[in-house]
């Protein structure tokens, strides 16, 4: 007998406010027309659903004072120190009001300051300790692969077995953020580890199988892996799954990879996003000098 699952937050909102089903349909249509990712639809849909459940009504029927009071409560929530619930709710409502042609109400929502905090970077000793911590081979390989290629969590779970080319030592990332493909180098250490993992686990289609209906692993599952692994280490930093990608970018800069190459490896649309890592990398300082000196110095070395 199949186990009954409790309704999702959007499903609860549909039950509470029947008009919300039309909202989800419009959201789905807009995401398709704008060629945005499904995760965008899920995020906005979930936030608006939480709002609808709270007020038992659609956002356009709630006055601005009530909305501001609700947002202020989210901003003060001690369970969300980064104010992420508040920020994502503002993003969701802004998207909703623009979708409904209510630009003035979208503009009236609180403005959000850009987060200027630098990302947390793991040093090499901490990474070695972290990769040893999980008991299961699958978990160790998943964490190591994210760091080794600077992957987003979603990119890892979308990898198919055929996307890894052991002969050419490449990883093919397909239709990731901004709907772009990119080819990444496969680390020599990962070749051995992945072959051992594939032989032991024998996954089907997806490189990492999970309990999702699609057969893929979940980002939530990956986040759980790193949280549990951290408990077994001496690492005191506030680390999450994305810290592995931040560490990859920082370490490559420190090893001499130029910023334009790093932008391509990370799949950033704007190089200003990549330039954040110039503040985290500990690169060698080269004293100001004339290139004329090095021009002839190279000749002396060759002779």
C-alpha atoms as a PDB file:
ATOM      1  CA  UNK A   1       0.000   0.000   0.000  1.00  0.00           C
ATOM      2  CA  UNK A   2       1.382   3.381  -1.051  1.00  0.00           C
ATOM      3  CA  UNK A   3       2.146   5.760   1.794  1.00  0.00           C
ATOM      4  CA  UNK A   4       0.113   8.990   1.705  1.00  0.00           C
ATOM      5  CA  UNK A   5       2.166  12.157   1.648  1.00  0.00           C
ATOM      6  CA  UNK A   6       1.087  15.443   3.192  1.00  0.00           C
ATOM      7  CA  UNK A   7       0.202  18.261   0.731  1.00  0.00           C
ATOM      8  CA  UNK A   8       2.956  20.629  -0.332  1.00  0.00           C
ATOM      9  CA  UNK A   9       2.819  24.330   0.573  1.00  0.00           C
ATOM     10  CA  UNK A  10       1.500  25.328  -2.906  1.00  0.00           C
ATOM     11  CA  UNK A  11      -1.139  22.567  -2.679  1.00  0.00           C
ATOM     12  CA  UNK A  12      -2.226  23.887   0.737  1.00  0.00           C
ATOM     13  CA  UNK A  13      -2.504  27.386  -0.746  1.00  0.00           C
ATOM     14  CA  UNK A  14      -4.702  26.079  -3.592  1.00  0.00           C
ATOM     15  CA  UNK A  15      -7.026  24.500  -1.021  1.00  0.00           C
ATOM     16  CA  UNK A  16      -7.105  27.664   1.123  1.00  0.00           C
ATOM     17  CA  UNK A  17      -7.574  30.116  -1.771  1.00  0.00           C
ATOM     18  CA  UNK A  18      -8.926  28.513  -4.994  1.00  0.00           C
ATOM     19  CA  UNK A  19      -7.765  31.506  -7.094  1.00  0.00           C
ATOM     20  CA  UNK A  20      -4.157  30.598  -6.302  1.00  0.00           C
ATOM     21  CA  UNK A  21      -4.242  27.745  -8.819  1.00  0.00           C
ATOM     22  CA  UNK A  22      -4.574  30.330 -11.627  1.00  0.00           C
ATOM     23  CA  UNK A  23      -1.583  32.196 -10.145  1.00  0.00           C
ATOM     24  CA  UNK A  24       0.582  29.065 -10.358  1.00  0.00           C
ATOM     25  CA  UNK A  25      -0.563  28.528 -13.940  1.00  0.00           C
ATOM     26  CA  UNK A  26       0.472  32.088 -14.868  1.00  0.00           C
ATOM     27  CA  UNK A  27       3.808  31.656 -13.090  1.00  0.00           C
ATOM     28  CA  UNK A  28       4.470  28.447 -14.995  1.00  0.00           C
ATOM     29  CA  UNK A  29       3.593  30.182 -18.273  1.00  0.00           C
ATOM     30  CA  UNK A  30       5.899  33.149 -17.579  1.00  0.00           C
ATOM     31  CA  UNK A  31       8.832  30.966 -16.550  1.00  0.00           C
ATOM     32  CA  UNK A  32       8.435  29.014 -19.816  1.00  0.00           C
ATOM     33  CA  UNK A  33       8.164  32.192 -21.936  1.00  0.00           C
ATOM     34  CA  UNK A  34      11.224  33.761 -20.283  1.00  0.00           C
ATOM     35  CA  UNK A  35      13.156  30.479 -20.494  1.00  0.00           C
ATOM     36  CA  UNK A  36      13.808  30.566 -16.740  1.00  0.00           C
ATOM     37  CA  UNK A  37      14.670  27.500 -14.675  1.00  0.00           C
ATOM     38  CA  UNK A  38      12.095  25.333 -12.915  1.00  0.00           C
ATOM     39  CA  UNK A  39      13.761  26.182  -9.607  1.00  0.00           C
ATOM     40  CA  UNK A  40      12.733  29.835 -10.194  1.00  0.00           C
ATOM     41  CA  UNK A  41       9.101  28.761 -10.518  1.00  0.00           C
ATOM     42  CA  UNK A  42       9.325  26.556  -7.426  1.00  0.00           C
ATOM     43  CA  UNK A  43      10.954  29.272  -5.315  1.00  0.00           C
ATOM     44  CA  UNK A  44       8.556  32.075  -6.265  1.00  0.00           C
ATOM     45  CA  UNK A  45       5.543  29.758  -6.146  1.00  0.00           C
ATOM     46  CA  UNK A  46       6.427  28.540  -2.657  1.00  0.00           C
ATOM     47  CA  UNK A  47       6.975  32.079  -1.289  1.00  0.00           C
ATOM     48  CA  UNK A  48       3.715  33.403  -2.688  1.00  0.00           C
ATOM     49  CA  UNK A  49       1.948  30.272  -1.392  1.00  0.00           C
ATOM     50  CA  UNK A  50       3.262  30.950   2.143  1.00  0.00           C
ATOM     51  CA  UNK A  51       1.935  34.517   1.879  1.00  0.00           C
ATOM     52  CA  UNK A  52      -1.461  33.295   0.635  1.00  0.00           C
ATOM     53  CA  UNK A  53      -1.734  30.748   3.467  1.00  0.00           C
ATOM     54  CA  UNK A  54      -0.875  33.421   6.060  1.00  0.00           C
ATOM     55  CA  UNK A  55      -3.515  35.896   4.864  1.00  0.00           C
ATOM     56  CA  UNK A  56      -5.948  33.357   3.405  1.00  0.00           C
ATOM     57  CA  UNK A  57      -6.176  35.657   0.377  1.00  0.00           C
ATOM     58  CA  UNK A  58      -4.266  36.720  -2.738  1.00  0.00           C
ATOM     59  CA  UNK A  59      -1.586  39.455  -2.424  1.00  0.00           C
ATOM     60  CA  UNK A  60      -3.524  42.057  -4.458  1.00  0.00           C
ATOM     61  CA  UNK A  61      -6.286  41.979  -1.841  1.00  0.00           C
ATOM     62  CA  UNK A  62      -3.909  42.782   1.052  1.00  0.00           C
ATOM     63  CA  UNK A  63      -3.110  46.438   1.738  1.00  0.00           C
ATOM     64  CA  UNK A  64       0.472  47.769   1.844  1.00  0.00           C
ATOM     65  CA  UNK A  65       0.512  48.302   5.623  1.00  0.00           C
ATOM     66  CA  UNK A  66      -0.370  44.660   6.271  1.00  0.00           C
ATOM     67  CA  UNK A  67       2.274  43.502   3.786  1.00  0.00           C
ATOM     68  CA  UNK A  68       4.955  45.687   5.407  1.00  0.00           C
ATOM     69  CA  UNK A  69       4.014  44.395   8.868  1.00  0.00           C
ATOM     70  CA  UNK A  70       4.284  40.817   7.607  1.00  0.00           C
ATOM     71  CA  UNK A  71       7.679  41.485   5.961  1.00  0.00           C
ATOM     72  CA  UNK A  72       8.971  43.229   9.087  1.00  0.00           C
ATOM     73  CA  UNK A  73       8.145  40.118  11.133  1.00  0.00           C
ATOM     74  CA  UNK A  74      10.116  37.976   8.667  1.00  0.00           C
ATOM     75  CA  UNK A  75      13.067  40.395   8.816  1.00  0.00           C
ATOM     76  CA  UNK A  76      13.148  40.124  12.641  1.00  0.00           C
ATOM     77  CA  UNK A  77      12.821  36.321  12.644  1.00  0.00           C
ATOM     78  CA  UNK A  78      15.648  34.949  14.877  1.00  0.00           C
ATOM     79  CA  UNK A  79      15.503  31.615  13.009  1.00  0.00           C
ATOM     80  CA  UNK A  80      16.704  33.371   9.839  1.00  0.00           C
ATOM     81  CA  UNK A  81      19.799  35.388  10.857  1.00  0.00           C
ATOM     82  CA  UNK A  82      20.679  36.173   7.238  1.00  0.00           C
ATOM     83  CA  UNK A  83      17.114  37.476   6.691  1.00  0.00           C
ATOM     84  CA  UNK A  84      16.831  35.031   3.787  1.00  0.00           C
ATOM     85  CA  UNK A  85      13.088  34.422   4.381  1.00  0.00           C
ATOM     86  CA  UNK A  86      12.463  38.164   4.223  1.00  0.00           C
ATOM     87  CA  UNK A  87      14.553  38.674   1.078  1.00  0.00           C
ATOM     88  CA  UNK A  88      13.049  35.756  -0.831  1.00  0.00           C
ATOM     89  CA  UNK A  89       9.537  36.843   0.111  1.00  0.00           C
ATOM     90  CA  UNK A  90      10.226  40.345  -1.254  1.00  0.00           C
ATOM     91  CA  UNK A  91      11.586  38.829  -4.470  1.00  0.00           C
ATOM     92  CA  UNK A  92       8.535  36.568  -4.762  1.00  0.00           C
ATOM     93  CA  UNK A  93       6.005  39.356  -4.159  1.00  0.00           C
ATOM     94  CA  UNK A  94       7.819  41.680  -6.551  1.00  0.00           C
ATOM     95  CA  UNK A  95       7.689  39.038  -9.261  1.00  0.00           C
ATOM     96  CA  UNK A  96       4.003  38.426  -8.511  1.00  0.00           C
ATOM     97  CA  UNK A  97       2.926  42.086  -8.675  1.00  0.00           C
ATOM     98  CA  UNK A  98       4.797  42.609 -11.944  1.00  0.00           C
ATOM     99  CA  UNK A  99       3.193  39.475 -13.329  1.00  0.00           C
ATOM    100  CA  UNK A 100      -0.221  40.916 -12.467  1.00  0.00           C
ATOM    101  CA  UNK A 101       0.601  44.296 -14.031  1.00  0.00           C
ATOM    102  CA  UNK A 102       0.872  46.058 -10.660  1.00  0.00           C
ATOM    103  CA  UNK A 103       4.277  47.712 -11.125  1.00  0.00           C
ATOM    104  CA  UNK A 104       3.574  50.469  -8.581  1.00  0.00           C
ATOM    105  CA  UNK A 105       2.963  47.896  -5.861  1.00  0.00           C
ATOM    106  CA  UNK A 106       6.147  46.048  -6.882  1.00  0.00           C
ATOM    107  CA  UNK A 107       8.177  49.271  -6.612  1.00  0.00           C
ATOM    108  CA  UNK A 108       6.581  50.081  -3.238  1.00  0.00           C
ATOM    109  CA  UNK A 109       8.039  46.937  -1.662  1.00  0.00           C
ATOM    110  CA  UNK A 110      11.159  47.396   0.543  1.00  0.00           C
ATOM    111  CA  UNK A 111      14.432  47.753  -1.360  1.00  0.00           C
ATOM    112  CA  UNK A 112      17.069  45.130  -0.652  1.00  0.00           C
ATOM    113  CA  UNK A 113      20.684  45.995   0.021  1.00  0.00           C
ATOM    114  CA  UNK A 114      23.271  43.889  -1.743  1.00  0.00           C
ATOM    115  CA  UNK A 115      24.958  41.421   0.593  1.00  0.00           C
ATOM    116  CA  UNK A 116      28.606  42.538   0.851  1.00  0.00           C
ATOM    117  CA  UNK A 117      29.802  39.632   3.007  1.00  0.00           C
ATOM    118  CA  UNK A 118      32.697  37.645   1.609  1.00  0.00           C
ATOM    119  CA  UNK A 119      32.118  33.908   1.162  1.00  0.00           C
ATOM    120  CA  UNK A 120      33.554  31.391   3.615  1.00  0.00           C
ATOM    121  CA  UNK A 121      36.602  29.610   2.198  1.00  0.00           C
ATOM    122  CA  UNK A 122      37.905  26.260   3.397  1.00  0.00           C
ATOM    123  CA  UNK A 123      41.669  25.806   3.465  1.00  0.00           C
ATOM    124  CA  UNK A 124      43.280  22.697   2.042  1.00  0.00           C
ATOM    125  CA  UNK A 125      43.673  20.892   5.392  1.00  0.00           C
ATOM    126  CA  UNK A 126      39.990  21.511   6.155  1.00  0.00           C
ATOM    127  CA  UNK A 127      38.946  20.157   2.756  1.00  0.00           C
ATOM    128  CA  UNK A 128      40.972  16.960   3.248  1.00  0.00           C
ATOM    129  CA  UNK A 129      39.383  16.514   6.667  1.00  0.00           C
ATOM    130  CA  UNK A 130      35.896  17.129   5.261  1.00  0.00           C
ATOM    131  CA  UNK A 131      36.257  14.657   2.386  1.00  0.00           C
ATOM    132  CA  UNK A 132      37.345  11.897   4.812  1.00  0.00           C
ATOM    133  CA  UNK A 133      34.378  12.444   7.152  1.00  0.00           C
ATOM    134  CA  UNK A 134      31.410  10.751   5.375  1.00  0.00           C
ATOM    135  CA  UNK A 135      31.113   7.032   5.978  1.00  0.00           C
ATOM    136  CA  UNK A 136      29.664   6.211   2.543  1.00  0.00           C
ATOM    137  CA  UNK A 137      31.781   6.298  -0.622  1.00  0.00           C
ATOM    138  CA  UNK A 138      28.914   7.951  -2.548  1.00  0.00           C
ATOM    139  CA  UNK A 139      28.856  10.870  -0.106  1.00  0.00           C
ATOM    140  CA  UNK A 140      32.630  11.348  -0.164  1.00  0.00           C
ATOM    141  CA  UNK A 141      32.663  11.325  -3.971  1.00  0.00           C
ATOM    142  CA  UNK A 142      29.757  13.807  -4.204  1.00  0.00           C
ATOM    143  CA  UNK A 143      31.457  16.389  -1.957  1.00  0.00           C
ATOM    144  CA  UNK A 144      34.860  15.946  -3.617  1.00  0.00           C
ATOM    145  CA  UNK A 145      33.362  16.279  -7.106  1.00  0.00           C
ATOM    146  CA  UNK A 146      31.612  19.556  -6.235  1.00  0.00           C
ATOM    147  CA  UNK A 147      34.914  21.053  -5.061  1.00  0.00           C
ATOM    148  CA  UNK A 148      37.004  19.520  -7.841  1.00  0.00           C
ATOM    149  CA  UNK A 149      34.965  21.218 -10.585  1.00  0.00           C
ATOM    150  CA  UNK A 150      33.379  24.138  -8.725  1.00  0.00           C
ATOM    151  CA  UNK A 151      29.861  22.801  -9.276  1.00  0.00           C
ATOM    152  CA  UNK A 152      26.581  24.223  -8.068  1.00  0.00           C
ATOM    153  CA  UNK A 153      24.508  21.666  -6.152  1.00  0.00           C
ATOM    154  CA  UNK A 154      21.902  21.607  -8.931  1.00  0.00           C
ATOM    155  CA  UNK A 155      24.613  20.936 -11.518  1.00  0.00           C
ATOM    156  CA  UNK A 156      25.854  17.899  -9.609  1.00  0.00           C
ATOM    157  CA  UNK A 157      22.438  16.264  -9.324  1.00  0.00           C
ATOM    158  CA  UNK A 158      21.730  16.928 -13.026  1.00  0.00           C
ATOM    159  CA  UNK A 159      24.869  15.060 -14.125  1.00  0.00           C
ATOM    160  CA  UNK A 160      24.237  11.912 -16.120  1.00  0.00           C
ATOM    161  CA  UNK A 161      26.755   9.070 -16.250  1.00  0.00           C
ATOM    162  CA  UNK A 162      27.490   9.901 -19.900  1.00  0.00           C
ATOM    163  CA  UNK A 163      28.390  13.497 -19.009  1.00  0.00           C
ATOM    164  CA  UNK A 164      31.676  12.280 -17.520  1.00  0.00           C
ATOM    165  CA  UNK A 165      34.313  11.461 -20.155  1.00  0.00           C
ATOM    166  CA  UNK A 166      37.128   9.508 -18.509  1.00  0.00           C
ATOM    167  CA  UNK A 167      39.293   9.370 -21.639  1.00  0.00           C
ATOM    168  CA  UNK A 168      39.201  13.125 -22.314  1.00  0.00           C
ATOM    169  CA  UNK A 169      38.990  13.885 -18.573  1.00  0.00           C
ATOM    170  CA  UNK A 170      36.057  16.265 -18.922  1.00  0.00           C
ATOM    171  CA  UNK A 171      32.682  16.914 -17.301  1.00  0.00           C
ATOM    172  CA  UNK A 172      29.867  18.225 -19.507  1.00  0.00           C
ATOM    173  CA  UNK A 173      27.529  20.594 -17.629  1.00  0.00           C
ATOM    174  CA  UNK A 174      24.303  20.889 -19.624  1.00  0.00           C
ATOM    175  CA  UNK A 175      21.853  23.789 -19.632  1.00  0.00           C
ATOM    176  CA  UNK A 176      22.775  25.094 -16.210  1.00  0.00           C
ATOM    177  CA  UNK A 177      22.126  28.620 -14.922  1.00  0.00           C
ATOM    178  CA  UNK A 178      21.552  31.097 -17.794  1.00  0.00           C
ATOM    179  CA  UNK A 179      20.731  28.028 -19.963  1.00  0.00           C
ATOM    180  CA  UNK A 180      24.363  27.485 -20.946  1.00  0.00           C
ATOM    181  CA  UNK A 181      26.497  24.381 -21.427  1.00  0.00           C
ATOM    182  CA  UNK A 182      30.133  24.264 -20.387  1.00  0.00           C
ATOM    183  CA  UNK A 183      32.952  21.725 -20.356  1.00  0.00           C
ATOM    184  CA  UNK A 184      35.034  21.389 -17.201  1.00  0.00           C
ATOM    185  CA  UNK A 185      38.283  19.504 -16.545  1.00  0.00           C
ATOM    186  CA  UNK A 186      37.938  16.257 -14.598  1.00  0.00           C
ATOM    187  CA  UNK A 187      40.548  15.965 -11.845  1.00  0.00           C
ATOM    188  CA  UNK A 188      42.904  12.988 -12.038  1.00  0.00           C
ATOM    189  CA  UNK A 189      41.996  12.043  -8.459  1.00  0.00           C
ATOM    190  CA  UNK A 190      38.299  12.025  -9.406  1.00  0.00           C
ATOM    191  CA  UNK A 191      38.868   9.582 -12.282  1.00  0.00           C
ATOM    192  CA  UNK A 192      39.931   6.858  -9.857  1.00  0.00           C
ATOM    193  CA  UNK A 193      37.289   7.765  -7.245  1.00  0.00           C
ATOM    194  CA  UNK A 194      34.393   7.931  -9.729  1.00  0.00           C
ATOM    195  CA  UNK A 195      35.311   4.610 -11.352  1.00  0.00           C
ATOM    196  CA  UNK A 196      35.410   2.959  -7.930  1.00  0.00           C
ATOM    197  CA  UNK A 197      32.034   4.549  -7.035  1.00  0.00           C
ATOM    198  CA  UNK A 198      30.404   3.510 -10.348  1.00  0.00           C
ATOM    199  CA  UNK A 199      31.595  -0.057  -9.882  1.00  0.00           C
ATOM    200  CA  UNK A 200      30.292  -0.220  -6.312  1.00  0.00           C
ATOM    201  CA  UNK A 201      26.961   1.628  -6.686  1.00  0.00           C
ATOM    202  CA  UNK A 202      26.074   0.905 -10.339  1.00  0.00           C
ATOM    203  CA  UNK A 203      23.846   4.036 -10.679  1.00  0.00           C
ATOM    204  CA  UNK A 204      21.221   4.228 -13.443  1.00  0.00           C
ATOM    205  CA  UNK A 205      21.168   7.184 -15.917  1.00  0.00           C
ATOM    206  CA  UNK A 206      22.000   9.822 -13.297  1.00  0.00           C
ATOM    207  CA  UNK A 207      25.495   9.904 -11.830  1.00  0.00           C
ATOM    208  CA  UNK A 208      23.928  10.160  -8.357  1.00  0.00           C
ATOM    209  CA  UNK A 209      20.614   8.362  -7.930  1.00  0.00           C
ATOM    210  CA  UNK A 210      18.191   9.412  -5.202  1.00  0.00           C
ATOM    211  CA  UNK A 211      14.631   9.014  -3.960  1.00  0.00           C
ATOM    212  CA  UNK A 212      13.196  11.811  -6.124  1.00  0.00           C
ATOM    213  CA  UNK A 213      10.521  10.729  -8.622  1.00  0.00           C
ATOM    214  CA  UNK A 214      12.953  11.639 -11.437  1.00  0.00           C
ATOM    215  CA  UNK A 215      15.531   9.223 -10.014  1.00  0.00           C
ATOM    216  CA  UNK A 216      17.983  12.038  -9.256  1.00  0.00           C
ATOM    217  CA  UNK A 217      19.543  12.912  -5.938  1.00  0.00           C
ATOM    218  CA  UNK A 218      18.297  16.132  -4.309  1.00  0.00           C
ATOM    219  CA  UNK A 219      20.104  19.353  -3.344  1.00  0.00           C
ATOM    220  CA  UNK A 220      18.500  18.974   0.085  1.00  0.00           C
ATOM    221  CA  UNK A 221      20.161  15.563   0.342  1.00  0.00           C
ATOM    222  CA  UNK A 222      23.539  17.064  -0.579  1.00  0.00           C
ATOM    223  CA  UNK A 223      23.112  19.779   2.060  1.00  0.00           C
ATOM    224  CA  UNK A 224      22.363  17.072   4.629  1.00  0.00           C
ATOM    225  CA  UNK A 225      25.569  15.218   3.638  1.00  0.00           C
ATOM    226  CA  UNK A 226      27.796  18.230   4.245  1.00  0.00           C
ATOM    227  CA  UNK A 227      26.054  19.116   7.540  1.00  0.00           C
ATOM    228  CA  UNK A 228      26.539  15.595   8.868  1.00  0.00           C
ATOM    229  CA  UNK A 229      30.132  15.452   7.608  1.00  0.00           C
ATOM    230  CA  UNK A 230      31.000  18.744   9.324  1.00  0.00           C
ATOM    231  CA  UNK A 231      29.873  17.302  12.682  1.00  0.00           C
ATOM    232  CA  UNK A 232      32.715  14.772  12.416  1.00  0.00           C
ATOM    233  CA  UNK A 233      35.401  17.389  11.736  1.00  0.00           C
ATOM    234  CA  UNK A 234      37.175  20.095  13.736  1.00  0.00           C
ATOM    235  CA  UNK A 235      36.050  22.794  11.260  1.00  0.00           C
ATOM    236  CA  UNK A 236      34.581  25.802  13.085  1.00  0.00           C
ATOM    237  CA  UNK A 237      33.656  27.932  10.046  1.00  0.00           C
ATOM    238  CA  UNK A 238      30.047  28.567   8.956  1.00  0.00           C
ATOM    239  CA  UNK A 239      30.186  26.252   5.960  1.00  0.00           C
ATOM    240  CA  UNK A 240      27.472  25.183   3.523  1.00  0.00           C
ATOM    241  CA  UNK A 241      27.426  23.261   0.245  1.00  0.00           C
ATOM    242  CA  UNK A 242      28.213  26.379  -1.823  1.00  0.00           C
ATOM    243  CA  UNK A 243      31.381  26.935   0.243  1.00  0.00           C
ATOM    244  CA  UNK A 244      32.976  24.148  -1.813  1.00  0.00           C
ATOM    245  CA  UNK A 245      32.405  26.142  -5.020  1.00  0.00           C
ATOM    246  CA  UNK A 246      33.729  29.313  -3.344  1.00  0.00           C
ATOM    247  CA  UNK A 247      36.832  27.411  -2.200  1.00  0.00           C
ATOM    248  CA  UNK A 248      37.399  26.019  -5.723  1.00  0.00           C
ATOM    249  CA  UNK A 249      37.322  29.519  -7.248  1.00  0.00           C
ATOM    250  CA  UNK A 250      39.597  31.011  -4.597  1.00  0.00           C
ATOM    251  CA  UNK A 251      42.163  28.219  -4.799  1.00  0.00           C
ATOM    252  CA  UNK A 252      42.335  28.405  -8.604  1.00  0.00           C
ATOM    253  CA  UNK A 253      43.052  32.140  -8.415  1.00  0.00           C
ATOM    254  CA  UNK A 254      45.771  31.468  -5.843  1.00  0.00           C
ATOM    255  CA  UNK A 255      47.276  28.883  -8.210  1.00  0.00           C
ATOM    256  CA  UNK A 256      47.519  31.420 -11.041  1.00  0.00           C
ATOM    257  CA  UNK A 257      44.355  30.860 -13.107  1.00  0.00           C
ATOM    258  CA  UNK A 258      43.336  34.198 -14.652  1.00  0.00           C
ATOM    259  CA  UNK A 259      39.977  35.809 -13.855  1.00  0.00           C
ATOM    260  CA  UNK A 260      38.556  35.427 -17.398  1.00  0.00           C
ATOM    261  CA  UNK A 261      39.265  31.681 -17.443  1.00  0.00           C
ATOM    262  CA  UNK A 262      37.751  31.374 -13.952  1.00  0.00           C
ATOM    263  CA  UNK A 263      34.597  33.169 -15.137  1.00  0.00           C
ATOM    264  CA  UNK A 264      34.162  30.564 -17.896  1.00  0.00           C
ATOM    265  CA  UNK A 265      34.814  27.655 -15.528  1.00  0.00           C
ATOM    266  CA  UNK A 266      32.236  28.936 -13.033  1.00  0.00           C
ATOM    267  CA  UNK A 267      29.667  29.722 -15.735  1.00  0.00           C
ATOM    268  CA  UNK A 268      29.207  33.338 -14.633  1.00  0.00           C
ATOM    269  CA  UNK A 269      27.369  35.612 -17.074  1.00  0.00           C
ATOM    270  CA  UNK A 270      29.036  38.752 -15.671  1.00  0.00           C
ATOM    271  CA  UNK A 271      32.730  38.927 -14.771  1.00  0.00           C
ATOM    272  CA  UNK A 272      31.943  41.277 -11.864  1.00  0.00           C
ATOM    273  CA  UNK A 273      30.439  38.244 -10.088  1.00  0.00           C
ATOM    274  CA  UNK A 274      33.730  36.363 -10.508  1.00  0.00           C
ATOM    275  CA  UNK A 275      35.768  39.339  -9.296  1.00  0.00           C
ATOM    276  CA  UNK A 276      34.402  38.788  -5.781  1.00  0.00           C
ATOM    277  CA  UNK A 277      37.043  36.056  -5.421  1.00  0.00           C
ATOM    278  CA  UNK A 278      39.841  38.590  -5.853  1.00  0.00           C
ATOM    279  CA  UNK A 279      38.971  39.600  -2.274  1.00  0.00           C
ATOM    280  CA  UNK A 280      39.200  36.044  -0.900  1.00  0.00           C
ATOM    281  CA  UNK A 281      42.289  34.810  -2.765  1.00  0.00           C
ATOM    282  CA  UNK A 282      45.700  35.186  -1.095  1.00  0.00           C
ATOM    283  CA  UNK A 283      47.731  35.825  -4.232  1.00  0.00           C
ATOM    284  CA  UNK A 284      51.435  36.669  -4.274  1.00  0.00           C
ATOM    285  CA  UNK A 285      52.169  40.388  -4.284  1.00  0.00           C
ATOM    286  CA  UNK A 286      54.427  41.408  -7.152  1.00  0.00           C
ATOM    287  CA  UNK A 287      56.290  44.658  -6.619  1.00  0.00           C
ATOM    288  CA  UNK A 288      55.897  47.442  -9.182  1.00  0.00           C
ATOM    289  CA  UNK A 289      58.630  47.211 -11.808  1.00  0.00           C
ATOM    290  CA  UNK A 290      59.400  47.993 -15.424  1.00  0.00           C
ATOM    291  CA  UNK A 291      58.643  45.249 -17.967  1.00  0.00           C
ATOM    292  CA  UNK A 292      61.901  46.226 -19.702  1.00  0.00           C
ATOM    293  CA  UNK A 293      63.837  44.523 -16.878  1.00  0.00           C
ATOM    294  CA  UNK A 294      62.024  41.210 -17.315  1.00  0.00           C
ATOM    295  CA  UNK A 295      62.267  41.479 -21.111  1.00  0.00           C
ATOM    296  CA  UNK A 296      66.055  41.037 -21.051  1.00  0.00           C
ATOM    297  CA  UNK A 297      66.074  38.886 -17.921  1.00  0.00           C
ATOM    298  CA  UNK A 298      64.329  36.141 -19.915  1.00  0.00           C
ATOM    299  CA  UNK A 299      67.044  36.288 -22.578  1.00  0.00           C
ATOM    300  CA  UNK A 300      69.811  35.893 -19.957  1.00  0.00           C
ATOM    301  CA  UNK A 301      68.050  32.833 -18.537  1.00  0.00           C
ATOM    302  CA  UNK A 302      67.838  31.193 -21.962  1.00  0.00           C
ATOM    303  CA  UNK A 303      71.537  31.833 -22.820  1.00  0.00           C
END
